[in-house]
Amino acid sequence: MKAAEPDWRIGILSDTHGLLRPQVMDALQGVNQILHAGDVGTSAILQSLQRIAPVTAIRGNVDIDGDLARLPATEMVRLGNSTLTAYLIHSVHDLDIDPVAAAVSLVVSGHSHSPSLTERMGVVYLNPGSVGARRFKLPVSMAFATIRGNSLSVEFKTIDLESTALVHSVT
């Protein structure tokens, strides 16, 4: 009998805007893969995340200079060793493919800073929220996806803002 594949854990974030909190770095420890849905803010963010796990990142509307401007606007990525795929796009309103026809399992977007999770026609639409500077009264949040075989589960993590130390800050 073949042993079951271990779970594959993915950290999903967006809208760092140059701010990478230590709570985010702590929460990401042990993930196998990181997805960033744009508005990174500084390449130092991606360098720090890369020390934890392989990173797939796209550019957002603030990523207009240097290395960040060269990030792709969208990206299709395989999730672990499964047959599941994720499609990253900064704003879901700019979705330029039919996820069902493209056999996408998960559409990851950001931009709104508002965490959300919906499922339509077998496709999961996820906005992890923002882990950058808090906007309005929205929570500072990220998400985690767990792949077990070819099944996907998603959970949100709200970041405790009581700790105010910063890993990176760009103004």
Protein backbone atom coordinates (compact mmCIF):
# COMPACT_ATOMS: atom_id res chain seq x y z
CA MET A 1 0.00 0.00 0.00
CA LYS A 2 1.36 3.41 -1.00
CA ALA A 3 1.83 5.90 1.83
CA ALA A 4 -0.36 8.98 1.67
CA GLU A 5 1.29 12.19 0.49
CA PRO A 6 1.82 14.69 3.31
CA ASP A 7 -0.38 17.76 3.34
CA TRP A 8 0.94 20.71 1.31
CA ARG A 9 0.47 24.04 3.10
CA ILE A 10 0.43 27.32 1.19
CA GLY A 11 0.67 30.81 2.69
CA ILE A 12 -1.36 33.32 0.69
CA LEU A 13 -1.00 37.06 1.06
CA SER A 14 -1.52 40.30 -0.77
CA ASP A 15 -1.10 44.04 -0.46
CA THR A 16 1.99 44.18 1.73
CA HIS A 17 2.70 47.67 0.36
CA GLY A 18 6.29 47.48 1.60
CA LEU A 19 5.37 46.30 5.11
CA LEU A 20 6.21 42.80 6.28
CA ARG A 21 5.20 42.26 9.88
CA PRO A 22 7.03 39.76 12.12
CA GLN A 23 3.64 38.15 12.87
CA VAL A 24 3.29 37.35 9.17
CA MET A 25 6.77 35.85 9.01
CA ASP A 26 6.02 33.77 12.11
CA ALA A 27 2.70 32.56 10.70
CA LEU A 28 4.36 31.48 7.45
CA GLN A 29 6.94 29.24 9.14
CA GLY A 30 6.58 25.68 7.88
CA VAL A 31 4.60 26.43 4.71
CA ASN A 32 5.66 24.66 1.52
CA GLN A 33 4.77 27.48 -0.86
CA ILE A 34 3.87 31.19 -0.73
CA LEU A 35 1.56 33.04 -3.12
CA HIS A 36 1.56 36.86 -3.19
CA ALA A 37 -1.28 38.52 -5.11
CA GLY A 38 0.43 41.85 -5.76
CA ASP A 39 1.06 45.31 -4.34
CA VAL A 40 4.28 43.95 -2.89
CA GLY A 41 5.81 47.42 -2.47
CA THR A 42 9.50 46.49 -2.28
CA SER A 43 11.61 43.59 -3.54
CA ALA A 44 12.95 43.11 0.01
CA ILE A 45 9.54 41.63 0.88
CA LEU A 46 9.95 38.87 -1.70
CA GLN A 47 13.54 38.23 -0.62
CA SER A 48 12.40 37.75 2.99
CA LEU A 49 9.54 35.47 1.99
CA GLN A 50 11.86 33.42 -0.25
CA ARG A 51 13.85 32.46 2.87
CA ILE A 52 10.77 30.60 4.13
CA ALA A 53 9.48 28.86 0.99
CA PRO A 54 9.33 29.23 -2.79
CA VAL A 55 7.33 32.35 -3.72
CA THR A 56 5.08 33.01 -6.68
CA ALA A 57 4.25 36.71 -6.88
CA ILE A 58 2.49 38.97 -9.33
CA ARG A 59 2.58 42.73 -9.61
CA GLY A 60 -0.16 44.98 -8.36
CA ASN A 61 -1.01 48.54 -9.26
CA VAL A 62 1.68 49.96 -6.92
CA ASP A 63 4.46 47.69 -8.24
CA ILE A 64 5.59 50.05 -11.00
CA ASP A 65 9.34 50.40 -10.40
CA GLY A 66 12.43 48.20 -10.64
CA ASP A 67 12.20 44.45 -10.19
CA LEU A 68 8.56 44.60 -9.10
CA ALA A 69 7.51 46.18 -12.41
CA ARG A 70 8.89 43.06 -14.12
CA LEU A 71 6.66 40.70 -12.15
CA PRO A 72 3.92 39.16 -14.30
CA ALA A 73 0.42 40.64 -14.11
CA THR A 74 -1.04 37.13 -13.72
CA GLU A 75 0.34 33.70 -13.01
CA MET A 76 -0.91 30.13 -13.17
CA VAL A 77 0.71 27.92 -10.55
CA ARG A 78 0.41 24.26 -9.61
CA LEU A 79 -0.40 23.64 -5.96
CA GLY A 80 2.06 21.18 -4.50
CA ASN A 81 2.07 17.73 -6.06
CA SER A 82 -1.67 17.82 -6.72
CA THR A 83 -3.53 18.35 -9.97
CA LEU A 84 -4.94 21.61 -8.55
CA THR A 85 -3.93 24.97 -10.00
CA ALA A 86 -4.21 28.53 -8.77
CA TYR A 87 -4.53 31.63 -10.92
CA LEU A 88 -3.17 34.83 -9.40
CA ILE A 89 -4.50 38.22 -10.47
CA HIS A 90 -4.31 41.41 -8.45
CA SER A 91 -7.91 42.54 -8.95
CA VAL A 92 -10.57 39.90 -9.50
CA HIS A 93 -12.46 42.51 -11.55
CA ASP A 94 -9.69 42.21 -14.16
CA LEU A 95 -10.09 38.43 -14.48
CA ASP A 96 -9.05 37.67 -18.04
CA ILE A 97 -9.72 33.93 -18.28
CA ASP A 98 -12.62 31.59 -17.75
CA PRO A 99 -11.39 29.67 -14.67
CA VAL A 100 -13.75 26.75 -15.34
CA ALA A 101 -12.59 26.33 -18.94
CA ALA A 102 -8.94 26.69 -17.83
CA ALA A 103 -9.42 24.01 -15.13
CA VAL A 104 -8.41 26.46 -12.38
CA SER A 105 -9.17 25.31 -8.85
CA LEU A 106 -8.36 28.54 -7.01
CA VAL A 107 -8.42 32.18 -8.12
CA VAL A 108 -6.32 34.33 -5.78
CA SER A 109 -6.71 38.09 -5.88
CA GLY A 110 -6.02 41.08 -3.67
CA HIS A 111 -6.44 44.81 -4.25
CA SER A 112 -9.59 45.38 -2.16
CA HIS A 113 -7.81 44.65 1.16
CA SER A 114 -10.99 42.85 2.19
CA PRO A 115 -10.74 39.11 2.92
CA SER A 116 -13.28 36.97 1.10
CA LEU A 117 -13.88 33.37 0.13
CA THR A 118 -16.51 32.17 -2.33
CA GLU A 119 -17.01 29.17 -4.56
CA ARG A 120 -18.68 29.30 -7.97
CA MET A 121 -19.00 26.43 -10.42
CA GLY A 122 -16.33 24.43 -8.60
CA VAL A 123 -13.79 27.29 -8.52
CA VAL A 124 -12.72 28.80 -5.20
CA TYR A 125 -12.25 32.59 -5.26
CA LEU A 126 -9.98 33.83 -2.47
CA ASN A 127 -8.89 37.28 -1.42
CA PRO A 128 -6.64 36.88 1.63
CA GLY A 129 -7.08 40.54 2.59
CA SER A 130 -4.09 42.77 3.27
CA VAL A 131 -1.14 42.24 5.59
CA GLY A 132 0.26 45.71 4.90
CA ALA A 133 -0.77 48.91 6.61
CA ARG A 134 -4.30 48.67 7.93
CA ARG A 135 -6.89 50.36 5.73
CA PHE A 136 -10.18 51.66 7.00
CA LYS A 137 -11.53 49.22 9.59
CA LEU A 138 -10.61 46.12 7.60
CA PRO A 139 -8.72 43.38 9.41
CA VAL A 140 -5.06 42.74 8.67
CA SER A 141 -5.32 39.23 7.32
CA MET A 142 -3.82 36.46 5.24
CA ALA A 143 -4.91 32.98 4.28
CA PHE A 144 -3.60 29.45 4.22
CA ALA A 145 -4.58 26.71 1.81
CA THR A 146 -4.01 23.08 2.65
CA ILE A 147 -3.82 20.52 -0.13
CA ARG A 148 -4.57 16.95 0.87
CA GLY A 149 -4.44 14.70 -2.17
CA ASN A 150 -6.50 16.69 -4.66
CA SER A 151 -8.70 18.45 -2.14
CA LEU A 152 -8.32 22.06 -1.06
CA SER A 153 -9.23 23.72 2.22
CA VAL A 154 -8.75 27.39 3.09
CA GLU A 155 -8.49 29.21 6.40
CA PHE A 156 -7.92 32.86 7.25
CA LYS A 157 -5.56 34.28 9.84
CA THR A 158 -6.12 37.72 11.31
CA ILE A 159 -2.88 39.37 12.38
CA ASP A 160 -2.70 40.68 15.94
CA LEU A 161 -1.64 44.32 15.73
CA GLU A 162 -0.69 44.56 19.40
CA SER A 163 2.90 43.77 18.40
CA THR A 164 4.13 46.75 16.38
CA ALA A 165 7.68 45.70 15.44
CA LEU A 166 8.36 45.75 11.70
CA VAL A 167 10.51 43.55 9.53
CA HIS A 168 10.44 45.93 6.54
CA SER A 169 8.80 49.29 6.15
CA VAL A 170 8.83 51.55 3.14
CA THR A 171 7.20 54.96 3.17
